[in-house]
Amino acid sequence: MILGGHTHDGVPVPSVVKNPGGATVVTNAGSHGKFLAVIDFDVKQGRVADYRYHLLPVFSELLPADPAMQATIARVRAPFESRLQEPIAESQQLLYRRGNFNGSWDQLIVDALMQVKSA
């Protein structure tokens, strides 16, 4: 069974799954922390009468870094910093990854895996 659907523009929408106790609203807010799912319930006489669901985008560049985690990352990377700064390739075209599939960056990875594995 596939849970959830999508609007015409690809935004996930909840599924209502019937069960012996009534129904359960099942949502999928996406992956990689890109969205925060918000669901508002309209409760009348102790029962959910309706709900509104939407996704709030998370803009990671607007969130301050956790100082302890930043220090841990810097410490772990330090021995490899010069190597991490070495260019390993150059692209003549824009590489992007808008979603989880079918971006030019994803295709580059697939092409590389196919070449390395002789697929």
PDB file of N, CA and C in Angstrom:
ATOM      1  N   MET A   1       0.843  -1.170   0.000  1.00  0.00           N
ATOM      2  CA  MET A   1       0.000   0.000   0.000  1.00  0.00           C
ATOM      3  C   MET A   1       0.892   1.238   0.000  1.00  0.00           C
ATOM      4  N   ILE A   2       0.618   2.167  -0.866  1.00  0.00           N
ATOM      5  CA  ILE A   2       1.350   3.414  -0.906  1.00  0.00           C
ATOM      6  C   ILE A   2       0.586   4.430  -0.086  1.00  0.00           C
ATOM      7  N   LEU A   3       1.259   5.021   0.879  1.00  0.00           N
ATOM      8  CA  LEU A   3       0.622   6.004   1.737  1.00  0.00           C
ATOM      9  C   LEU A   3       0.944   7.401   1.247  1.00  0.00           C
ATOM     10  N   GLY A   4      -0.018   8.272   1.359  1.00  0.00           N
ATOM     11  CA  GLY A   4       0.199   9.663   0.975  1.00  0.00           C
ATOM     12  C   GLY A   4       0.066   9.829  -0.513  1.00  0.00           C
ATOM     13  N   GLY A   5      -0.227  11.012  -0.878  1.00  0.00           N
ATOM     14  CA  GLY A   5      -0.312  11.348  -2.282  1.00  0.00           C
ATOM     15  C   GLY A   5       0.434  12.645  -2.493  1.00  0.00           C
ATOM     16  N   HIS A   6       0.216  13.233  -3.636  1.00  0.00           N
ATOM     17  CA  HIS A   6       0.861  14.493  -3.957  1.00  0.00           C
ATOM     18  C   HIS A   6      -0.135  15.384  -4.671  1.00  0.00           C
ATOM     19  N   THR A   7       0.026  16.682  -4.484  1.00  0.00           N
ATOM     20  CA  THR A   7      -0.787  17.626  -5.237  1.00  0.00           C
ATOM     21  C   THR A   7      -0.250  17.677  -6.655  1.00  0.00           C
ATOM     22  N   HIS A   8      -0.899  18.440  -7.516  1.00  0.00           N
ATOM     23  CA  HIS A   8      -0.457  18.528  -8.909  1.00  0.00           C
ATOM     24  C   HIS A   8       0.958  19.084  -9.032  1.00  0.00           C
ATOM     25  N   ASP A   9       1.430  19.819  -8.026  1.00  0.00           N
ATOM     26  CA  ASP A   9       2.789  20.368  -8.091  1.00  0.00           C
ATOM     27  C   ASP A   9       3.791  19.545  -7.282  1.00  0.00           C
ATOM     28  N   GLY A  10       3.398  18.323  -6.896  1.00  0.00           N
ATOM     29  CA  GLY A  10       4.332  17.412  -6.254  1.00  0.00           C
ATOM     30  C   GLY A  10       4.451  17.538  -4.751  1.00  0.00           C
ATOM     31  N   VAL A  11       3.641  18.379  -4.111  1.00  0.00           N
ATOM     32  CA  VAL A  11       3.706  18.544  -2.665  1.00  0.00           C
ATOM     33  C   VAL A  11       2.983  17.375  -1.998  1.00  0.00           C
ATOM     34  N   PRO A  12       3.636  16.718  -1.030  1.00  0.00           N
ATOM     35  CA  PRO A  12       2.990  15.589  -0.369  1.00  0.00           C
ATOM     36  C   PRO A  12       1.730  16.013   0.382  1.00  0.00           C
ATOM     37  N   VAL A  13       0.744  15.159   0.364  1.00  0.00           N
ATOM     38  CA  VAL A  13      -0.483  15.369   1.133  1.00  0.00           C
ATOM     39  C   VAL A  13      -0.708  14.129   1.992  1.00  0.00           C
ATOM     40  N   PRO A  14      -1.380  14.298   3.125  1.00  0.00           N
ATOM     41  CA  PRO A  14      -1.596  13.146   4.004  1.00  0.00           C
ATOM     42  C   PRO A  14      -2.565  12.129   3.403  1.00  0.00           C
ATOM     43  N   SER A  15      -2.443  10.905   3.887  1.00  0.00           N
ATOM     44  CA  SER A  15      -3.414   9.859   3.576  1.00  0.00           C
ATOM     45  C   SER A  15      -4.234   9.605   4.823  1.00  0.00           C
ATOM     46  N   VAL A  16      -5.479   9.285   4.639  1.00  0.00           N
ATOM     47  CA  VAL A  16      -6.326   8.894   5.752  1.00  0.00           C
ATOM     48  C   VAL A  16      -6.495   7.382   5.667  1.00  0.00           C
ATOM     49  N   VAL A  17      -5.991   6.690   6.676  1.00  0.00           N
ATOM     50  CA  VAL A  17      -6.014   5.227   6.697  1.00  0.00           C
ATOM     51  C   VAL A  17      -7.077   4.783   7.695  1.00  0.00           C
ATOM     52  N   LYS A  18      -8.075   4.082   7.202  1.00  0.00           N
ATOM     53  CA  LYS A  18      -9.151   3.592   8.064  1.00  0.00           C
ATOM     54  C   LYS A  18      -8.642   2.411   8.878  1.00  0.00           C
ATOM     55  N   ASN A  19      -9.087   2.346  10.132  1.00  0.00           N
ATOM     56  CA  ASN A  19      -8.693   1.264  11.016  1.00  0.00           C
ATOM     57  C   ASN A  19      -9.850   0.995  11.981  1.00  0.00           C
ATOM     58  N   PRO A  20      -9.784  -0.057  12.777  1.00  0.00           N
ATOM     59  CA  PRO A  20     -10.910  -0.391  13.660  1.00  0.00           C
ATOM     60  C   PRO A  20     -11.313   0.740  14.606  1.00  0.00           C
ATOM     61  N   GLY A  21     -10.378   1.623  14.953  1.00  0.00           N
ATOM     62  CA  GLY A  21     -10.688   2.714  15.868  1.00  0.00           C
ATOM     63  C   GLY A  21     -11.177   3.971  15.164  1.00  0.00           C
ATOM     64  N   GLY A  22     -11.257   3.948  13.870  1.00  0.00           N
ATOM     65  CA  GLY A  22     -11.676   5.130  13.099  1.00  0.00           C
ATOM     66  C   GLY A  22     -10.781   5.352  11.906  1.00  0.00           C
ATOM     67  N   ALA A  23      -9.928   6.354  12.006  1.00  0.00           N
ATOM     68  CA  ALA A  23      -9.021   6.661  10.900  1.00  0.00           C
ATOM     69  C   ALA A  23      -7.777   7.340  11.458  1.00  0.00           C
ATOM     70  N   THR A  24      -6.669   7.159  10.761  1.00  0.00           N
ATOM     71  CA  THR A  24      -5.401   7.761  11.153  1.00  0.00           C
ATOM     72  C   THR A  24      -4.875   8.578   9.982  1.00  0.00           C
ATOM     73  N   VAL A  25      -4.468   9.809  10.272  1.00  0.00           N
ATOM     74  CA  VAL A  25      -3.869  10.662   9.250  1.00  0.00           C
ATOM     75  C   VAL A  25      -2.373  10.354   9.225  1.00  0.00           C
ATOM     76  N   VAL A  26      -1.879   9.928   8.063  1.00  0.00           N
ATOM     77  CA  VAL A  26      -0.473   9.568   7.898  1.00  0.00           C
ATOM     78  C   VAL A  26       0.168  10.575   6.965  1.00  0.00           C
ATOM     79  N   THR A  27       1.281  11.150   7.419  1.00  0.00           N
ATOM     80  CA  THR A  27       1.954  12.159   6.596  1.00  0.00           C
ATOM     81  C   THR A  27       3.397  11.785   6.343  1.00  0.00           C
ATOM     82  N   ASN A  28       3.955  12.395   5.327  1.00  0.00           N
ATOM     83  CA  ASN A  28       5.369  12.248   5.003  1.00  0.00           C
ATOM     84  C   ASN A  28       5.858  13.636   4.631  1.00  0.00           C
ATOM     85  N   ALA A  29       6.624  14.236   5.510  1.00  0.00           N
ATOM     86  CA  ALA A  29       7.059  15.615   5.299  1.00  0.00           C
ATOM     87  C   ALA A  29       8.267  15.718   4.382  1.00  0.00           C
ATOM     88  N   GLY A  30       8.657  14.644   3.759  1.00  0.00           N
ATOM     89  CA  GLY A  30       9.828  14.709   2.895  1.00  0.00           C
ATOM     90  C   GLY A  30      11.024  14.107   3.601  1.00  0.00           C
ATOM     91  N   SER A  31      12.188  14.423   3.095  1.00  0.00           N
ATOM     92  CA  SER A  31      13.401  13.830   3.653  1.00  0.00           C
ATOM     93  C   SER A  31      14.468  14.892   3.864  1.00  0.00           C
ATOM     94  N   HIS A  32      15.488  14.508   4.578  1.00  0.00           N
ATOM     95  CA  HIS A  32      16.669  15.347   4.786  1.00  0.00           C
ATOM     96  C   HIS A  32      16.386  16.642   5.526  1.00  0.00           C
ATOM     97  N   GLY A  33      15.303  16.707   6.275  1.00  0.00           N
ATOM     98  CA  GLY A  33      15.019  17.891   7.081  1.00  0.00           C
ATOM     99  C   GLY A  33      14.720  19.143   6.286  1.00  0.00           C
ATOM    100  N   LYS A  34      14.222  18.987   5.062  1.00  0.00           N
ATOM    101  CA  LYS A  34      13.930  20.154   4.225  1.00  0.00           C
ATOM    102  C   LYS A  34      12.637  20.854   4.612  1.00  0.00           C
ATOM    103  N   PHE A  35      11.734  20.113   5.264  1.00  0.00           N
ATOM    104  CA  PHE A  35      10.436  20.680   5.625  1.00  0.00           C
ATOM    105  C   PHE A  35      10.049  20.274   7.044  1.00  0.00           C
ATOM    106  N   LEU A  36       9.231  21.096   7.641  1.00  0.00           N
ATOM    107  CA  LEU A  36       8.590  20.780   8.899  1.00  0.00           C
ATOM    108  C   LEU A  36       7.107  20.626   8.591  1.00  0.00           C
ATOM    109  N   ALA A  37       6.545  19.476   8.925  1.00  0.00           N
ATOM    110  CA  ALA A  37       5.124  19.243   8.669  1.00  0.00           C
ATOM    111  C   ALA A  37       4.302  19.900   9.774  1.00  0.00           C
ATOM    112  N   VAL A  38       3.255  20.590   9.368  1.00  0.00           N
ATOM    113  CA  VAL A  38       2.354  21.236  10.322  1.00  0.00           C
ATOM    114  C   VAL A  38       0.954  20.712  10.052  1.00  0.00           C
ATOM    115  N   ILE A  39       0.329  20.179  11.078  1.00  0.00           N
ATOM    116  CA  ILE A  39      -1.043  19.701  10.937  1.00  0.00           C
ATOM    117  C   ILE A  39      -1.868  20.306  12.072  1.00  0.00           C
ATOM    118  N   ASP A  40      -2.898  21.030  11.695  1.00  0.00           N
ATOM    119  CA  ASP A  40      -3.806  21.649  12.658  1.00  0.00           C
ATOM    120  C   ASP A  40      -5.106  20.861  12.654  1.00  0.00           C
ATOM    121  N   PHE A  41      -5.539  20.436  13.842  1.00  0.00           N
ATOM    122  CA  PHE A  41      -6.771  19.672  13.965  1.00  0.00           C
ATOM    123  C   PHE A  41      -7.901  20.565  14.456  1.00  0.00           C
ATOM    124  N   ASP A  42      -9.066  20.385  13.871  1.00  0.00           N
ATOM    125  CA  ASP A  42     -10.285  21.032  14.329  1.00  0.00           C
ATOM    126  C   ASP A  42     -11.034  19.969  15.129  1.00  0.00           C
ATOM    127  N   VAL A  43     -11.036  20.128  16.462  1.00  0.00           N
ATOM    128  CA  VAL A  43     -11.640  19.127  17.345  1.00  0.00           C
ATOM    129  C   VAL A  43     -12.984  19.649  17.826  1.00  0.00           C
ATOM    130  N   LYS A  44     -14.007  18.833  17.627  1.00  0.00           N
ATOM    131  CA  LYS A  44     -15.362  19.166  18.076  1.00  0.00           C
ATOM    132  C   LYS A  44     -15.929  17.980  18.833  1.00  0.00           C
ATOM    133  N   GLN A  45     -16.430  18.242  20.018  1.00  0.00           N
ATOM    134  CA  GLN A  45     -17.036  17.217  20.869  1.00  0.00           C
ATOM    135  C   GLN A  45     -16.110  16.011  21.056  1.00  0.00           C
ATOM    136  N   GLY A  46     -14.827  16.320  21.264  1.00  0.00           N
ATOM    137  CA  GLY A  46     -13.858  15.268  21.549  1.00  0.00           C
ATOM    138  C   GLY A  46     -13.396  14.455  20.359  1.00  0.00           C
ATOM    139  N   ARG A  47     -13.771  14.852  19.149  1.00  0.00           N
ATOM    140  CA  ARG A  47     -13.375  14.114  17.946  1.00  0.00           C
ATOM    141  C   ARG A  47     -12.783  15.073  16.923  1.00  0.00           C
ATOM    142  N   VAL A  48     -11.904  14.566  16.098  1.00  0.00           N
ATOM    143  CA  VAL A  48     -11.328  15.383  15.033  1.00  0.00           C
ATOM    144  C   VAL A  48     -12.371  15.542  13.940  1.00  0.00           C
ATOM    145  N   ALA A  49     -12.776  16.782  13.697  1.00  0.00           N
ATOM    146  CA  ALA A  49     -13.790  17.062  12.690  1.00  0.00           C
ATOM    147  C   ALA A  49     -13.136  17.368  11.335  1.00  0.00           C
ATOM    148  N   ASP A  50     -11.946  17.944  11.374  1.00  0.00           N
ATOM    149  CA  ASP A  50     -11.264  18.318  10.139  1.00  0.00           C
ATOM    150  C   ASP A  50      -9.796  18.559  10.476  1.00  0.00           C
ATOM    151  N   TYR A  51      -8.978  18.713   9.451  1.00  0.00           N
ATOM    152  CA  TYR A  51      -7.572  19.053   9.667  1.00  0.00           C
ATOM    153  C   TYR A  51      -7.058  19.867   8.488  1.00  0.00           C
ATOM    154  N   ARG A  52      -6.018  20.620   8.754  1.00  0.00           N
ATOM    155  CA  ARG A  52      -5.310  21.378   7.723  1.00  0.00           C
ATOM    156  C   ARG A  52      -3.848  20.983   7.811  1.00  0.00           C
ATOM    157  N   TYR A  53      -3.240  20.733   6.674  1.00  0.00           N
ATOM    158  CA  TYR A  53      -1.861  20.241   6.617  1.00  0.00           C
ATOM    159  C   TYR A  53      -1.072  21.110   5.660  1.00  0.00           C
ATOM    160  N   HIS A  54       0.110  21.493   6.076  1.00  0.00           N
ATOM    161  CA  HIS A  54       1.005  22.172   5.142  1.00  0.00           C
ATOM    162  C   HIS A  54       2.457  21.956   5.572  1.00  0.00           C
ATOM    163  N   LEU A  55       3.344  22.225   4.652  1.00  0.00           N
ATOM    164  CA  LEU A  55       4.769  22.061   4.904  1.00  0.00           C
ATOM    165  C   LEU A  55       5.425  23.428   5.023  1.00  0.00           C
ATOM    166  N   LEU A  56       6.273  23.570   6.014  1.00  0.00           N
ATOM    167  CA  LEU A  56       7.062  24.784   6.162  1.00  0.00           C
ATOM    168  C   LEU A  56       8.490  24.466   5.730  1.00  0.00           C
ATOM    169  N   PRO A  57       9.029  25.197   4.772  1.00  0.00           N
ATOM    170  CA  PRO A  57      10.410  24.921   4.369  1.00  0.00           C
ATOM    171  C   PRO A  57      11.386  25.305   5.475  1.00  0.00           C
ATOM    172  N   VAL A  58      12.440  24.528   5.611  1.00  0.00           N
ATOM    173  CA  VAL A  58      13.493  24.812   6.577  1.00  0.00           C
ATOM    174  C   VAL A  58      14.676  25.376   5.793  1.00  0.00           C
ATOM    175  N   PHE A  59      15.055  26.587   6.115  1.00  0.00           N
ATOM    176  CA  PHE A  59      16.180  27.244   5.450  1.00  0.00           C
ATOM    177  C   PHE A  59      17.397  27.124   6.367  1.00  0.00           C
ATOM    178  N   SER A  60      18.200  26.095   6.121  1.00  0.00           N
ATOM    179  CA  SER A  60      19.299  25.775   7.027  1.00  0.00           C
ATOM    180  C   SER A  60      20.290  26.922   7.159  1.00  0.00           C
ATOM    181  N   GLU A  61      20.454  27.721   6.120  1.00  0.00           N
ATOM    182  CA  GLU A  61      21.420  28.821   6.211  1.00  0.00           C
ATOM    183  C   GLU A  61      20.954  29.918   7.174  1.00  0.00           C
ATOM    184  N   LEU A  62      19.694  29.891   7.571  1.00  0.00           N
ATOM    185  CA  LEU A  62      19.176  30.881   8.515  1.00  0.00           C
ATOM    186  C   LEU A  62      19.241  30.401   9.965  1.00  0.00           C
ATOM    187  N   LEU A  63      19.587  29.123  10.155  1.00  0.00           N
ATOM    188  CA  LEU A  63      19.676  28.562  11.498  1.00  0.00           C
ATOM    189  C   LEU A  63      21.121  28.638  11.982  1.00  0.00           C
ATOM    190  N   PRO A  64      21.348  29.124  13.181  1.00  0.00           N
ATOM    191  CA  PRO A  64      22.726  29.187  13.681  1.00  0.00           C
ATOM    192  C   PRO A  64      23.276  27.782  13.923  1.00  0.00           C
ATOM    193  N   ALA A  65      24.559  27.615  13.610  1.00  0.00           N
ATOM    194  CA  ALA A  65      25.212  26.328  13.844  1.00  0.00           C
ATOM    195  C   ALA A  65      25.366  26.100  15.335  1.00  0.00           C
ATOM    196  N   ASP A  66      25.271  24.840  15.742  1.00  0.00           N
ATOM    197  CA  ASP A  66      25.509  24.483  17.135  1.00  0.00           C
ATOM    198  C   ASP A  66      27.016  24.548  17.373  1.00  0.00           C
ATOM    199  N   PRO A  67      27.478  25.382  18.310  1.00  0.00           N
ATOM    200  CA  PRO A  67      28.926  25.553  18.511  1.00  0.00           C
ATOM    201  C   PRO A  67      29.656  24.251  18.846  1.00  0.00           C
ATOM    202  N   ALA A  68      29.068  23.406  19.671  1.00  0.00           N
ATOM    203  CA  ALA A  68      29.732  22.145  20.029  1.00  0.00           C
ATOM    204  C   ALA A  68      29.871  21.236  18.813  1.00  0.00           C
ATOM    205  N   MET A  69      28.814  21.152  17.998  1.00  0.00           N
ATOM    206  CA  MET A  69      28.892  20.311  16.804  1.00  0.00           C
ATOM    207  C   MET A  69      29.879  20.903  15.798  1.00  0.00           C
ATOM    208  N   GLN A  70      29.877  22.217  15.645  1.00  0.00           N
ATOM    209  CA  GLN A  70      30.811  22.877  14.728  1.00  0.00           C
ATOM    210  C   GLN A  70      32.249  22.576  15.143  1.00  0.00           C
ATOM    211  N   ALA A  71      32.516  22.609  16.448  1.00  0.00           N
ATOM    212  CA  ALA A  71      33.864  22.317  16.956  1.00  0.00           C
ATOM    213  C   ALA A  71      34.238  20.860  16.694  1.00  0.00           C
ATOM    214  N   THR A  72      33.288  19.950  16.871  1.00  0.00           N
ATOM    215  CA  THR A  72      33.554  18.527  16.607  1.00  0.00           C
ATOM    216  C   THR A  72      33.885  18.306  15.140  1.00  0.00           C
ATOM    217  N   ILE A  73      33.114  18.916  14.250  1.00  0.00           N
ATOM    218  CA  ILE A  73      33.365  18.777  12.813  1.00  0.00           C
ATOM    219  C   ILE A  73      34.742  19.321  12.465  1.00  0.00           C
ATOM    220  N   ALA A  74      35.079  20.498  12.981  1.00  0.00           N
ATOM    221  CA  ALA A  74      36.393  21.100  12.703  1.00  0.00           C
ATOM    222  C   ALA A  74      37.524  20.204  13.204  1.00  0.00           C
ATOM    223  N   ARG A  75      37.362  19.625  14.399  1.00  0.00           N
ATOM    224  CA  ARG A  75      38.387  18.751  14.971  1.00  0.00           C
ATOM    225  C   ARG A  75      38.586  17.492  14.123  1.00  0.00           C
ATOM    226  N   VAL A  76      37.488  16.882  13.688  1.00  0.00           N
ATOM    227  CA  VAL A  76      37.576  15.649  12.900  1.00  0.00           C
ATOM    228  C   VAL A  76      38.152  15.921  11.509  1.00  0.00           C
ATOM    229  N   ARG A  77      37.826  17.061  10.935  1.00  0.00           N
ATOM    230  CA  ARG A  77      38.319  17.395   9.595  1.00  0.00           C
ATOM    231  C   ARG A  77      39.770  17.862   9.578  1.00  0.00           C
ATOM    232  N   ALA A  78      40.238  18.410  10.678  1.00  0.00           N
ATOM    233  CA  ALA A  78      41.555  19.060  10.726  1.00  0.00           C
ATOM    234  C   ALA A  78      42.687  18.236  10.108  1.00  0.00           C
ATOM    235  N   PRO A  79      42.844  16.963  10.442  1.00  0.00           N
ATOM    236  CA  PRO A  79      43.964  16.203   9.868  1.00  0.00           C
ATOM    237  C   PRO A  79      43.871  16.042   8.337  1.00  0.00           C
ATOM    238  N   PHE A  80      42.690  16.230   7.779  1.00  0.00           N
ATOM    239  CA  PHE A  80      42.472  15.992   6.352  1.00  0.00           C
ATOM    240  C   PHE A  80      42.207  17.274   5.580  1.00  0.00           C
ATOM    241  N   GLU A  81      42.328  18.427   6.240  1.00  0.00           N
ATOM    242  CA  GLU A  81      41.903  19.694   5.644  1.00  0.00           C
ATOM    243  C   GLU A  81      42.575  19.984   4.308  1.00  0.00           C
ATOM    244  N   SER A  82      43.883  19.800   4.211  1.00  0.00           N
ATOM    245  CA  SER A  82      44.558  20.107   2.939  1.00  0.00           C
ATOM    246  C   SER A  82      44.075  19.183   1.827  1.00  0.00           C
ATOM    247  N   ARG A  83      43.870  17.933   2.150  1.00  0.00           N
ATOM    248  CA  ARG A  83      43.375  16.980   1.150  1.00  0.00           C
ATOM    249  C   ARG A  83      41.934  17.309   0.731  1.00  0.00           C
ATOM    250  N   LEU A  84      41.124  17.745   1.696  1.00  0.00           N
ATOM    251  CA  LEU A  84      39.734  18.100   1.404  1.00  0.00           C
ATOM    252  C   LEU A  84      39.646  19.349   0.515  1.00  0.00           C
ATOM    253  N   GLN A  85      40.682  20.162   0.504  1.00  0.00           N
ATOM    254  CA  GLN A  85      40.682  21.375  -0.306  1.00  0.00           C
ATOM    255  C   GLN A  85      41.159  21.134  -1.743  1.00  0.00           C
ATOM    256  N   GLU A  86      41.699  19.944  -2.022  1.00  0.00           N
ATOM    257  CA  GLU A  86      42.200  19.636  -3.363  1.00  0.00           C
ATOM    258  C   GLU A  86      41.038  19.435  -4.336  1.00  0.00           C
ATOM    259  N   PRO A  87      41.061  20.130  -5.475  1.00  0.00           N
ATOM    260  CA  PRO A  87      40.026  19.864  -6.497  1.00  0.00           C
ATOM    261  C   PRO A  87      40.201  18.442  -7.044  1.00  0.00           C
ATOM    262  N   ILE A  88      39.109  17.752  -7.228  1.00  0.00           N
ATOM    263  CA  ILE A  88      39.190  16.397  -7.785  1.00  0.00           C
ATOM    264  C   ILE A  88      38.608  16.338  -9.190  1.00  0.00           C
ATOM    265  N   ALA A  89      37.858  17.369  -9.571  1.00  0.00           N
ATOM    266  CA  ALA A  89      37.268  17.406 -10.914  1.00  0.00           C
ATOM    267  C   ALA A  89      36.744  18.812 -11.171  1.00  0.00           C
ATOM    268  N   GLU A  90      36.434  19.054 -12.434  1.00  0.00           N
ATOM    269  CA  GLU A  90      35.842  20.333 -12.825  1.00  0.00           C
ATOM    270  C   GLU A  90      34.730  20.055 -13.816  1.00  0.00           C
ATOM    271  N   SER A  91      33.608  20.680 -13.610  1.00  0.00           N
ATOM    272  CA  SER A  91      32.461  20.483 -14.486  1.00  0.00           C
ATOM    273  C   SER A  91      32.294  21.682 -15.402  1.00  0.00           C
ATOM    274  N   GLN A  92      31.959  21.407 -16.646  1.00  0.00           N
ATOM    275  CA  GLN A  92      31.691  22.470 -17.606  1.00  0.00           C
ATOM    276  C   GLN A  92      30.216  22.843 -17.611  1.00  0.00           C
ATOM    277  N   GLN A  93      29.415  22.113 -16.845  1.00  0.00           N
ATOM    278  CA  GLN A  93      27.990  22.418 -16.766  1.00  0.00           C
ATOM    279  C   GLN A  93      27.565  22.508 -15.306  1.00  0.00           C
ATOM    280  N   LEU A  94      26.432  23.135 -15.094  1.00  0.00           N
ATOM    281  CA  LEU A  94      25.886  23.292 -13.754  1.00  0.00           C
ATOM    282  C   LEU A  94      25.467  21.936 -13.204  1.00  0.00           C
ATOM    283  N   LEU A  95      25.880  21.636 -11.979  1.00  0.00           N
ATOM    284  CA  LEU A  95      25.439  20.433 -11.291  1.00  0.00           C
ATOM    285  C   LEU A  95      24.458  20.869 -10.215  1.00  0.00           C
ATOM    286  N   TYR A  96      23.290  20.237 -10.187  1.00  0.00           N
ATOM    287  CA  TYR A  96      22.282  20.623  -9.225  1.00  0.00           C
ATOM    288  C   TYR A  96      21.632  19.391  -8.629  1.00  0.00           C
ATOM    289  N   ARG A  97      21.015  19.597  -7.501  1.00  0.00           N
ATOM    290  CA  ARG A  97      20.275  18.531  -6.839  1.00  0.00           C
ATOM    291  C   ARG A  97      19.078  19.168  -6.166  1.00  0.00           C
ATOM    292  N   ARG A  98      18.003  19.292  -6.893  1.00  0.00           N
ATOM    293  CA  ARG A  98      16.808  19.953  -6.360  1.00  0.00           C
ATOM    294  C   ARG A  98      16.021  19.052  -5.428  1.00  0.00           C
ATOM    295  N   GLY A  99      15.954  17.799  -5.770  1.00  0.00           N
ATOM    296  CA  GLY A  99      15.209  16.845  -4.958  1.00  0.00           C
ATOM    297  C   GLY A  99      16.113  15.685  -4.635  1.00  0.00           C
ATOM    298  N   ASN A 100      15.550  14.508  -4.611  1.00  0.00           N
ATOM    299  CA  ASN A 100      16.342  13.326  -4.315  1.00  0.00           C
ATOM    300  C   ASN A 100      16.694  12.522  -5.545  1.00  0.00           C
ATOM    301  N   PHE A 101      16.075  12.828  -6.676  1.00  0.00           N
ATOM    302  CA  PHE A 101      16.296  12.033  -7.875  1.00  0.00           C
ATOM    303  C   PHE A 101      16.359  12.925  -9.103  1.00  0.00           C
ATOM    304  N   ASN A 102      17.038  12.449 -10.094  1.00  0.00           N
ATOM    305  CA  ASN A 102      17.029  13.031 -11.437  1.00  0.00           C
ATOM    306  C   ASN A 102      17.661  14.407 -11.565  1.00  0.00           C
ATOM    307  N   GLY A 103      18.517  14.798 -10.664  1.00  0.00           N
ATOM    308  CA  GLY A 103      19.280  16.022 -10.836  1.00  0.00           C
ATOM    309  C   GLY A 103      20.567  15.695 -11.577  1.00  0.00           C
ATOM    310  N   SER A 104      21.235  16.705 -12.099  1.00  0.00           N
ATOM    311  CA  SER A 104      22.485  16.458 -12.833  1.00  0.00           C
ATOM    312  C   SER A 104      23.558  15.874 -11.905  1.00  0.00           C
ATOM    313  N   TRP A 105      23.543  16.263 -10.643  1.00  0.00           N
ATOM    314  CA  TRP A 105      24.506  15.702  -9.686  1.00  0.00           C
ATOM    315  C   TRP A 105      24.259  14.210  -9.502  1.00  0.00           C
ATOM    316  N   ASP A 106      22.995  13.811  -9.403  1.00  0.00           N
ATOM    317  CA  ASP A 106      22.657  12.393  -9.282  1.00  0.00           C
ATOM    318  C   ASP A 106      23.127  11.613 -10.508  1.00  0.00           C
ATOM    319  N   GLN A 107      22.937  12.201 -11.689  1.00  0.00           N
ATOM    320  CA  GLN A 107      23.352  11.524 -12.915  1.00  0.00           C
ATOM    321  C   GLN A 107      24.864  11.343 -12.960  1.00  0.00           C
ATOM    322  N   LEU A 108      25.593  12.342 -12.498  1.00  0.00           N
ATOM    323  CA  LEU A 108      27.052  12.241 -12.445  1.00  0.00           C
ATOM    324  C   LEU A 108      27.472  11.070 -11.561  1.00  0.00           C
ATOM    325  N   ILE A 109      26.827  10.927 -10.413  1.00  0.00           N
ATOM    326  CA  ILE A 109      27.141   9.829  -9.495  1.00  0.00           C
ATOM    327  C   ILE A 109      26.820   8.486 -10.143  1.00  0.00           C
ATOM    328  N   VAL A 110      25.662   8.383 -10.782  1.00  0.00           N
ATOM    329  CA  VAL A 110      25.279   7.131 -11.447  1.00  0.00           C
ATOM    330  C   VAL A 110      26.268   6.796 -12.560  1.00  0.00           C
ATOM    331  N   ASP A 111      26.626   7.779 -13.376  1.00  0.00           N
ATOM    332  CA  ASP A 111      27.582   7.543 -14.471  1.00  0.00           C
ATOM    333  C   ASP A 111      28.924   7.061 -13.925  1.00  0.00           C
ATOM    334  N   ALA A 112      29.382   7.671 -12.826  1.00  0.00           N
ATOM    335  CA  ALA A 112      30.649   7.269 -12.230  1.00  0.00           C
ATOM    336  C   ALA A 112      30.577   5.839 -11.701  1.00  0.00           C
ATOM    337  N   LEU A 113      29.483   5.507 -11.009  1.00  0.00           N
ATOM    338  CA  LEU A 113      29.330   4.146 -10.502  1.00  0.00           C
ATOM    339  C   LEU A 113      29.292   3.133 -11.636  1.00  0.00           C
ATOM    340  N   MET A 114      28.602   3.464 -12.722  1.00  0.00           N
ATOM    341  CA  MET A 114      28.522   2.541 -13.852  1.00  0.00           C
ATOM    342  C   MET A 114      29.898   2.326 -14.467  1.00  0.00           C
ATOM    343  N   GLN A 115      30.703   3.402 -14.552  1.00  0.00           N
ATOM    344  CA  GLN A 115      32.033   3.273 -15.131  1.00  0.00           C
ATOM    345  C   GLN A 115      32.940   2.452 -14.234  1.00  0.00           C
ATOM    346  N   VAL A 116      32.923   2.739 -12.943  1.00  0.00           N
ATOM    347  CA  VAL A 116      33.776   2.018 -12.001  1.00  0.00           C
ATOM    348  C   VAL A 116      33.407   0.538 -11.919  1.00  0.00           C
ATOM    349  N   LYS A 117      32.122   0.248 -11.963  1.00  0.00           N
ATOM    350  CA  LYS A 117      31.645  -1.137 -11.832  1.00  0.00           C
ATOM    351  C   LYS A 117      31.433  -1.836 -13.174  1.00  0.00           C
ATOM    352  N   SER A 118      31.812  -1.167 -14.261  1.00  0.00           N
ATOM    353  CA  SER A 118      31.639  -1.730 -15.618  1.00  0.00           C
ATOM    354  C   SER A 118      30.220  -2.191 -15.879  1.00  0.00           C
ATOM    355  N   ALA A 119      29.266  -1.388 -15.468  1.00  0.00           N
ATOM    356  CA  ALA A 119      27.857  -1.736 -15.642  1.00  0.00           C
ATOM    357  C   ALA A 119      27.369  -1.283 -17.007  1.00  0.00           C
TER     358      ALA A 119
END
